[in-house]
Amino acid sequence: MLGNIILFIPYGFLGILYPKFNQFKWLLLVFFITINIIEFSQYYFKRGFADIDDVILNTLGLTIGYIIYKKWFFIKGK
């Protein structure tokens, strides 16, 4: 479970590469749709396990990464 969170923390830093993702709503929307497509394809093609816990934990990792990203740039800007 911890691996799912840690693995997706770097996705919170996508605002560095794509300025549109500096707004959390866009980042969350694109990420949530992508993760759901991946989980659905795992279920449909019977590869791996499709689980709602993966969606929740991956989104939590993204959120933690985004918070770290915003705090780091806020401190660095001072």
PDB file of N, CA and C in Angstrom:
ATOM      1  N   MET A   1       0.826  -1.194   0.000  1.00  0.00           N
ATOM      2  CA  MET A   1       0.000   0.000   0.000  1.00  0.00           C
ATOM      3  C   MET A   1       0.865   1.250   0.000  1.00  0.00           C
ATOM      4  N   LEU A   2       1.905   1.214   0.782  1.00  0.00           N
ATOM      5  CA  LEU A   2       2.789   2.379   0.841  1.00  0.00           C
ATOM      6  C   LEU A   2       3.493   2.597  -0.497  1.00  0.00           C
ATOM      7  N   GLY A   3       3.743   1.498  -1.202  1.00  0.00           N
ATOM      8  CA  GLY A   3       4.398   1.599  -2.507  1.00  0.00           C
ATOM      9  C   GLY A   3       3.566   2.375  -3.514  1.00  0.00           C
ATOM     10  N   ASN A   4       2.245   2.176  -3.495  1.00  0.00           N
ATOM     11  CA  ASN A   4       1.374   2.919  -4.410  1.00  0.00           C
ATOM     12  C   ASN A   4       1.429   4.417  -4.125  1.00  0.00           C
ATOM     13  N   ILE A   5       1.508   4.774  -2.882  1.00  0.00           N
ATOM     14  CA  ILE A   5       1.563   6.194  -2.525  1.00  0.00           C
ATOM     15  C   ILE A   5       2.900   6.799  -2.938  1.00  0.00           C
ATOM     16  N   ILE A   6       3.979   6.137  -2.560  1.00  0.00           N
ATOM     17  CA  ILE A   6       5.323   6.656  -2.843  1.00  0.00           C
ATOM     18  C   ILE A   6       5.595   6.716  -4.343  1.00  0.00           C
ATOM     19  N   LEU A   7       5.124   5.722  -5.075  1.00  0.00           N
ATOM     20  CA  LEU A   7       5.376   5.664  -6.506  1.00  0.00           C
ATOM     21  C   LEU A   7       4.741   6.826  -7.258  1.00  0.00           C
ATOM     22  N   PHE A   8       3.630   7.362  -6.762  1.00  0.00           N
ATOM     23  CA  PHE A   8       2.914   8.409  -7.489  1.00  0.00           C
ATOM     24  C   PHE A   8       3.148   9.812  -6.943  1.00  0.00           C
ATOM     25  N   ILE A   9       3.994   9.963  -5.943  1.00  0.00           N
ATOM     26  CA  ILE A   9       4.329  11.300  -5.435  1.00  0.00           C
ATOM     27  C   ILE A   9       4.982  12.168  -6.515  1.00  0.00           C
ATOM     28  N   PRO A  10       5.890  11.642  -7.346  1.00  0.00           N
ATOM     29  CA  PRO A  10       6.495  12.514  -8.377  1.00  0.00           C
ATOM     30  C   PRO A  10       5.501  13.100  -9.377  1.00  0.00           C
ATOM     31  N   TYR A  11       4.350  12.485  -9.546  1.00  0.00           N
ATOM     32  CA  TYR A  11       3.359  13.041 -10.476  1.00  0.00           C
ATOM     33  C   TYR A  11       2.785  14.359  -9.963  1.00  0.00           C
ATOM     34  N   GLY A  12       2.929  14.647  -8.695  1.00  0.00           N
ATOM     35  CA  GLY A  12       2.507  15.931  -8.159  1.00  0.00           C
ATOM     36  C   GLY A  12       3.381  17.078  -8.633  1.00  0.00           C
ATOM     37  N   PHE A  13       4.552  16.753  -9.168  1.00  0.00           N
ATOM     38  CA  PHE A  13       5.492  17.759  -9.650  1.00  0.00           C
ATOM     39  C   PHE A  13       5.331  18.049 -11.135  1.00  0.00           C
ATOM     40  N   LEU A  14       4.266  17.600 -11.763  1.00  0.00           N
ATOM     41  CA  LEU A  14       4.055  17.835 -13.194  1.00  0.00           C
ATOM     42  C   LEU A  14       3.880  19.308 -13.534  1.00  0.00           C
ATOM     43  N   GLY A  15       3.597  20.134 -12.538  1.00  0.00           N
ATOM     44  CA  GLY A  15       3.477  21.573 -12.766  1.00  0.00           C
ATOM     45  C   GLY A  15       4.775  22.204 -13.225  1.00  0.00           C
ATOM     46  N   ILE A  16       5.900  21.536 -12.972  1.00  0.00           N
ATOM     47  CA  ILE A  16       7.193  22.035 -13.438  1.00  0.00           C
ATOM     48  C   ILE A  16       7.263  21.940 -14.959  1.00  0.00           C
ATOM     49  N   LEU A  17       6.812  20.815 -15.497  1.00  0.00           N
ATOM     50  CA  LEU A  17       6.877  20.594 -16.946  1.00  0.00           C
ATOM     51  C   LEU A  17       5.705  21.210 -17.691  1.00  0.00           C
ATOM     52  N   TYR A  18       4.529  21.146 -17.092  1.00  0.00           N
ATOM     53  CA  TYR A  18       3.304  21.625 -17.737  1.00  0.00           C
ATOM     54  C   TYR A  18       2.656  22.683 -16.841  1.00  0.00           C
ATOM     55  N   PRO A  19       2.827  23.948 -17.157  1.00  0.00           N
ATOM     56  CA  PRO A  19       2.306  25.012 -16.295  1.00  0.00           C
ATOM     57  C   PRO A  19       0.792  24.951 -16.067  1.00  0.00           C
ATOM     58  N   LYS A  20       0.047  24.342 -16.986  1.00  0.00           N
ATOM     59  CA  LYS A  20      -1.396  24.234 -16.786  1.00  0.00           C
ATOM     60  C   LYS A  20      -1.720  23.382 -15.562  1.00  0.00           C
ATOM     61  N   PHE A  21      -0.824  22.466 -15.223  1.00  0.00           N
ATOM     62  CA  PHE A  21      -1.049  21.591 -14.077  1.00  0.00           C
ATOM     63  C   PHE A  21      -0.662  22.249 -12.755  1.00  0.00           C
ATOM     64  N   ASN A  22      -0.353  23.552 -12.776  1.00  0.00           N
ATOM     65  CA  ASN A  22      -0.139  24.259 -11.523  1.00  0.00           C
ATOM     66  C   ASN A  22      -1.446  24.393 -10.752  1.00  0.00           C
ATOM     67  N   GLN A  23      -2.560  24.268 -11.452  1.00  0.00           N
ATOM     68  CA  GLN A  23      -3.861  24.260 -10.790  1.00  0.00           C
ATOM     69  C   GLN A  23      -4.205  22.810 -10.468  1.00  0.00           C
ATOM     70  N   PHE A  24      -4.515  22.569  -9.229  1.00  0.00           N
ATOM     71  CA  PHE A  24      -4.729  21.204  -8.755  1.00  0.00           C
ATOM     72  C   PHE A  24      -5.909  20.530  -9.432  1.00  0.00           C
ATOM     73  N   LYS A  25      -6.931  21.290  -9.798  1.00  0.00           N
ATOM     74  CA  LYS A  25      -8.119  20.676 -10.387  1.00  0.00           C
ATOM     75  C   LYS A  25      -7.809  20.024 -11.728  1.00  0.00           C
ATOM     76  N   TRP A  26      -6.955  20.655 -12.552  1.00  0.00           N
ATOM     77  CA  TRP A  26      -6.605  20.073 -13.851  1.00  0.00           C
ATOM     78  C   TRP A  26      -5.725  18.850 -13.682  1.00  0.00           C
ATOM     79  N   LEU A  27      -4.771  18.954 -12.790  1.00  0.00           N
ATOM     80  CA  LEU A  27      -3.888  17.826 -12.527  1.00  0.00           C
ATOM     81  C   LEU A  27      -4.671  16.632 -12.018  1.00  0.00           C
ATOM     82  N   LEU A  28      -5.566  16.870 -11.083  1.00  0.00           N
ATOM     83  CA  LEU A  28      -6.369  15.795 -10.513  1.00  0.00           C
ATOM     84  C   LEU A  28      -7.307  15.192 -11.557  1.00  0.00           C
ATOM     85  N   LEU A  29      -7.915  16.017 -12.377  1.00  0.00           N
ATOM     86  CA  LEU A  29      -8.834  15.527 -13.402  1.00  0.00           C
ATOM     87  C   LEU A  29      -8.127  14.621 -14.413  1.00  0.00           C
ATOM     88  N   VAL A  30      -7.014  15.076 -14.959  1.00  0.00           N
ATOM     89  CA  VAL A  30      -6.277  14.290 -15.941  1.00  0.00           C
ATOM     90  C   VAL A  30      -5.740  13.009 -15.309  1.00  0.00           C
ATOM     91  N   PHE A  31      -5.194  13.113 -14.117  1.00  0.00           N
ATOM     92  CA  PHE A  31      -4.642  11.951 -13.431  1.00  0.00           C
ATOM     93  C   PHE A  31      -5.733  10.941 -13.101  1.00  0.00           C
ATOM     94  N   PHE A  32      -6.861  11.408 -12.599  1.00  0.00           N
ATOM     95  CA  PHE A  32      -7.944  10.515 -12.203  1.00  0.00           C
ATOM     96  C   PHE A  32      -8.507   9.767 -13.407  1.00  0.00           C
ATOM     97  N   ILE A  33      -8.670  10.450 -14.523  1.00  0.00           N
ATOM     98  CA  ILE A  33      -9.158   9.795 -15.740  1.00  0.00           C
ATOM     99  C   ILE A  33      -8.139   8.758 -16.226  1.00  0.00           C
ATOM    100  N   THR A  34      -6.860   9.108 -16.210  1.00  0.00           N
ATOM    101  CA  THR A  34      -5.820   8.184 -16.655  1.00  0.00           C
ATOM    102  C   THR A  34      -5.754   6.943 -15.774  1.00  0.00           C
ATOM    103  N   ILE A  35      -5.778   7.115 -14.479  1.00  0.00           N
ATOM    104  CA  ILE A  35      -5.721   5.974 -13.551  1.00  0.00           C
ATOM    105  C   ILE A  35      -6.947   5.089 -13.725  1.00  0.00           C
ATOM    106  N   ASN A  36      -8.111   5.686 -13.930  1.00  0.00           N
ATOM    107  CA  ASN A  36      -9.313   4.865 -14.126  1.00  0.00           C
ATOM    108  C   ASN A  36      -9.257   4.083 -15.435  1.00  0.00           C
ATOM    109  N   ILE A  37      -8.689   4.662 -16.478  1.00  0.00           N
ATOM    110  CA  ILE A  37      -8.518   3.931 -17.739  1.00  0.00           C
ATOM    111  C   ILE A  37      -7.571   2.743 -17.535  1.00  0.00           C
ATOM    112  N   ILE A  38      -6.494   2.958 -16.818  1.00  0.00           N
ATOM    113  CA  ILE A  38      -5.546   1.883 -16.544  1.00  0.00           C
ATOM    114  C   ILE A  38      -6.207   0.773 -15.731  1.00  0.00           C
ATOM    115  N   GLU A  39      -6.928   1.146 -14.678  1.00  0.00           N
ATOM    116  CA  GLU A  39      -7.590   0.137 -13.844  1.00  0.00           C
ATOM    117  C   GLU A  39      -8.674  -0.607 -14.620  1.00  0.00           C
ATOM    118  N   PHE A  40      -9.418   0.101 -15.454  1.00  0.00           N
ATOM    119  CA  PHE A  40     -10.442  -0.563 -16.249  1.00  0.00           C
ATOM    120  C   PHE A  40      -9.823  -1.532 -17.250  1.00  0.00           C
ATOM    121  N   SER A  41      -8.702  -1.123 -17.858  1.00  0.00           N
ATOM    122  CA  SER A  41      -8.051  -2.021 -18.816  1.00  0.00           C
ATOM    123  C   SER A  41      -7.477  -3.253 -18.112  1.00  0.00           C
ATOM    124  N   GLN A  42      -7.021  -3.111 -16.880  1.00  0.00           N
ATOM    125  CA  GLN A  42      -6.571  -4.277 -16.112  1.00  0.00           C
ATOM    126  C   GLN A  42      -7.737  -5.231 -15.870  1.00  0.00           C
ATOM    127  N   TYR A  43      -8.878  -4.696 -15.583  1.00  0.00           N
ATOM    128  CA  TYR A  43     -10.063  -5.530 -15.359  1.00  0.00           C
ATOM    129  C   TYR A  43     -10.534  -6.177 -16.655  1.00  0.00           C
ATOM    130  N   TYR A  44     -10.585  -5.400 -17.725  1.00  0.00           N
ATOM    131  CA  TYR A  44     -11.121  -5.872 -18.992  1.00  0.00           C
ATOM    132  C   TYR A  44     -10.231  -6.949 -19.627  1.00  0.00           C
ATOM    133  N   PHE A  45      -8.916  -6.703 -19.611  1.00  0.00           N
ATOM    134  CA  PHE A  45      -7.991  -7.646 -20.234  1.00  0.00           C
ATOM    135  C   PHE A  45      -7.478  -8.713 -19.271  1.00  0.00           C
ATOM    136  N   LYS A  46      -7.964  -8.665 -18.042  1.00  0.00           N
ATOM    137  CA  LYS A  46      -7.592  -9.629 -17.005  1.00  0.00           C
ATOM    138  C   LYS A  46      -6.076  -9.712 -16.808  1.00  0.00           C
ATOM    139  N   ARG A  47      -5.457  -8.555 -16.753  1.00  0.00           N
ATOM    140  CA  ARG A  47      -4.026  -8.417 -16.472  1.00  0.00           C
ATOM    141  C   ARG A  47      -3.881  -7.701 -15.144  1.00  0.00           C
ATOM    142  N   GLY A  48      -3.329  -8.343 -14.159  1.00  0.00           N
ATOM    143  CA  GLY A  48      -3.181  -7.723 -12.860  1.00  0.00           C
ATOM    144  C   GLY A  48      -4.524  -7.681 -12.145  1.00  0.00           C
ATOM    145  N   PHE A  49      -4.600  -6.866 -11.123  1.00  0.00           N
ATOM    146  CA  PHE A  49      -5.808  -6.746 -10.319  1.00  0.00           C
ATOM    147  C   PHE A  49      -6.345  -5.325 -10.392  1.00  0.00           C
ATOM    148  N   ALA A  50      -7.592  -5.198 -10.746  1.00  0.00           N
ATOM    149  CA  ALA A  50      -8.246  -3.892 -10.739  1.00  0.00           C
ATOM    150  C   ALA A  50      -8.865  -3.700  -9.368  1.00  0.00           C
ATOM    151  N   ASP A  51      -8.470  -2.647  -8.694  1.00  0.00           N
ATOM    152  CA  ASP A  51      -8.921  -2.443  -7.322  1.00  0.00           C
ATOM    153  C   ASP A  51      -9.118  -0.948  -7.073  1.00  0.00           C
ATOM    154  N   ILE A  52     -10.184  -0.613  -6.397  1.00  0.00           N
ATOM    155  CA  ILE A  52     -10.458   0.795  -6.080  1.00  0.00           C
ATOM    156  C   ILE A  52      -9.408   1.351  -5.123  1.00  0.00           C
ATOM    157  N   ASP A  53      -8.794   0.476  -4.329  1.00  0.00           N
ATOM    158  CA  ASP A  53      -7.733   0.934  -3.429  1.00  0.00           C
ATOM    159  C   ASP A  53      -6.563   1.530  -4.214  1.00  0.00           C
ATOM    160  N   ASP A  54      -6.270   0.965  -5.374  1.00  0.00           N
ATOM    161  CA  ASP A  54      -5.193   1.512  -6.198  1.00  0.00           C
ATOM    162  C   ASP A  54      -5.517   2.934  -6.641  1.00  0.00           C
ATOM    163  N   VAL A  55      -6.741   3.170  -7.041  1.00  0.00           N
ATOM    164  CA  VAL A  55      -7.141   4.517  -7.472  1.00  0.00           C
ATOM    165  C   VAL A  55      -7.019   5.495  -6.304  1.00  0.00           C
ATOM    166  N   ILE A  56      -7.485   5.094  -5.139  1.00  0.00           N
ATOM    167  CA  ILE A  56      -7.442   5.971  -3.963  1.00  0.00           C
ATOM    168  C   ILE A  56      -6.009   6.245  -3.533  1.00  0.00           C
ATOM    169  N   LEU A  57      -5.188   5.194  -3.445  1.00  0.00           N
ATOM    170  CA  LEU A  57      -3.809   5.369  -2.983  1.00  0.00           C
ATOM    171  C   LEU A  57      -2.958   6.125  -4.007  1.00  0.00           C
ATOM    172  N   ASN A  58      -3.174   5.875  -5.285  1.00  0.00           N
ATOM    173  CA  ASN A  58      -2.437   6.621  -6.311  1.00  0.00           C
ATOM    174  C   ASN A  58      -2.803   8.095  -6.285  1.00  0.00           C
ATOM    175  N   THR A  59      -4.069   8.389  -6.086  1.00  0.00           N
ATOM    176  CA  THR A  59      -4.508   9.777  -5.995  1.00  0.00           C
ATOM    177  C   THR A  59      -3.963  10.440  -4.736  1.00  0.00           C
ATOM    178  N   LEU A  60      -3.887   9.691  -3.648  1.00  0.00           N
ATOM    179  CA  LEU A  60      -3.291  10.215  -2.419  1.00  0.00           C
ATOM    180  C   LEU A  60      -1.817  10.540  -2.641  1.00  0.00           C
ATOM    181  N   GLY A  61      -1.096   9.665  -3.348  1.00  0.00           N
ATOM    182  CA  GLY A  61       0.307   9.941  -3.667  1.00  0.00           C
ATOM    183  C   GLY A  61       0.463  11.192  -4.503  1.00  0.00           C
ATOM    184  N   LEU A  62      -0.404  11.365  -5.492  1.00  0.00           N
ATOM    185  CA  LEU A  62      -0.389  12.579  -6.315  1.00  0.00           C
ATOM    186  C   LEU A  62      -0.634  13.813  -5.449  1.00  0.00           C
ATOM    187  N   THR A  63      -1.594  13.735  -4.560  1.00  0.00           N
ATOM    188  CA  THR A  63      -1.938  14.869  -3.702  1.00  0.00           C
ATOM    189  C   THR A  63      -0.779  15.233  -2.779  1.00  0.00           C
ATOM    190  N   ILE A  64      -0.137  14.233  -2.198  1.00  0.00           N
ATOM    191  CA  ILE A  64       1.021  14.493  -1.338  1.00  0.00           C
ATOM    192  C   ILE A  64       2.144  15.151  -2.142  1.00  0.00           C
ATOM    193  N   GLY A  65       2.389  14.631  -3.344  1.00  0.00           N
ATOM    194  CA  GLY A  65       3.416  15.220  -4.212  1.00  0.00           C
ATOM    195  C   GLY A  65       3.095  16.651  -4.582  1.00  0.00           C
ATOM    196  N   TYR A  66       1.813  16.936  -4.850  1.00  0.00           N
ATOM    197  CA  TYR A  66       1.414  18.300  -5.199  1.00  0.00           C
ATOM    198  C   TYR A  66       1.603  19.248  -4.008  1.00  0.00           C
ATOM    199  N   ILE A  67       1.270  18.782  -2.822  1.00  0.00           N
ATOM    200  CA  ILE A  67       1.457  19.614  -1.620  1.00  0.00           C
ATOM    201  C   ILE A  67       2.932  19.901  -1.392  1.00  0.00           C
ATOM    202  N   ILE A  68       3.778  18.889  -1.543  1.00  0.00           N
ATOM    203  CA  ILE A  68       5.225  19.095  -1.403  1.00  0.00           C
ATOM    204  C   ILE A  68       5.720  20.077  -2.460  1.00  0.00           C
ATOM    205  N   TYR A  69       5.254  19.912  -3.691  1.00  0.00           N
ATOM    206  CA  TYR A  69       5.646  20.806  -4.787  1.00  0.00           C
ATOM    207  C   TYR A  69       5.268  22.248  -4.480  1.00  0.00           C
ATOM    208  N   LYS A  70       4.040  22.479  -4.031  1.00  0.00           N
ATOM    209  CA  LYS A  70       3.589  23.849  -3.745  1.00  0.00           C
ATOM    210  C   LYS A  70       4.337  24.437  -2.551  1.00  0.00           C
ATOM    211  N   LYS A  71       4.582  23.660  -1.523  1.00  0.00           N
ATOM    212  CA  LYS A  71       5.314  24.163  -0.348  1.00  0.00           C
ATOM    213  C   LYS A  71       6.754  24.486  -0.727  1.00  0.00           C
ATOM    214  N   TRP A  72       7.385  23.644  -1.545  1.00  0.00           N
ATOM    215  CA  TRP A  72       8.767  23.853  -1.926  1.00  0.00           C
ATOM    216  C   TRP A  72       8.912  25.118  -2.760  1.00  0.00           C
ATOM    217  N   PHE A  73       8.014  25.322  -3.704  1.00  0.00           N
ATOM    218  CA  PHE A  73       8.098  26.518  -4.529  1.00  0.00           C
ATOM    219  C   PHE A  73       7.692  27.770  -3.761  1.00  0.00           C
ATOM    220  N   PHE A  74       6.829  27.629  -2.760  1.00  0.00           N
ATOM    221  CA  PHE A  74       6.461  28.778  -1.930  1.00  0.00           C
ATOM    222  C   PHE A  74       7.638  29.230  -1.091  1.00  0.00           C
ATOM    223  N   ILE A  75       8.338  28.277  -0.499  1.00  0.00           N
ATOM    224  CA  ILE A  75       9.522  28.606   0.321  1.00  0.00           C
ATOM    225  C   ILE A  75      10.637  29.136  -0.557  1.00  0.00           C
ATOM    226  N   LYS A  76      10.835  28.525  -1.718  1.00  0.00           N
ATOM    227  CA  LYS A  76      11.905  28.931  -2.609  1.00  0.00           C
ATOM    228  C   LYS A  76      11.671  30.320  -3.180  1.00  0.00           C
ATOM    229  N   GLY A  77      10.396  30.728  -3.308  1.00  0.00           N
ATOM    230  CA  GLY A  77      10.083  32.035  -3.855  1.00  0.00           C
ATOM    231  C   GLY A  77      10.353  33.184  -2.903  1.00  0.00           C
ATOM    232  N   LYS A  78      10.527  32.913  -1.619  1.00  0.00           N
ATOM    233  CA  LYS A  78      10.744  33.989  -0.645  1.00  0.00           C
ATOM    234  C   LYS A  78      12.138  34.476  -0.656  1.00  0.00           C
TER     235      LYS A  78
END
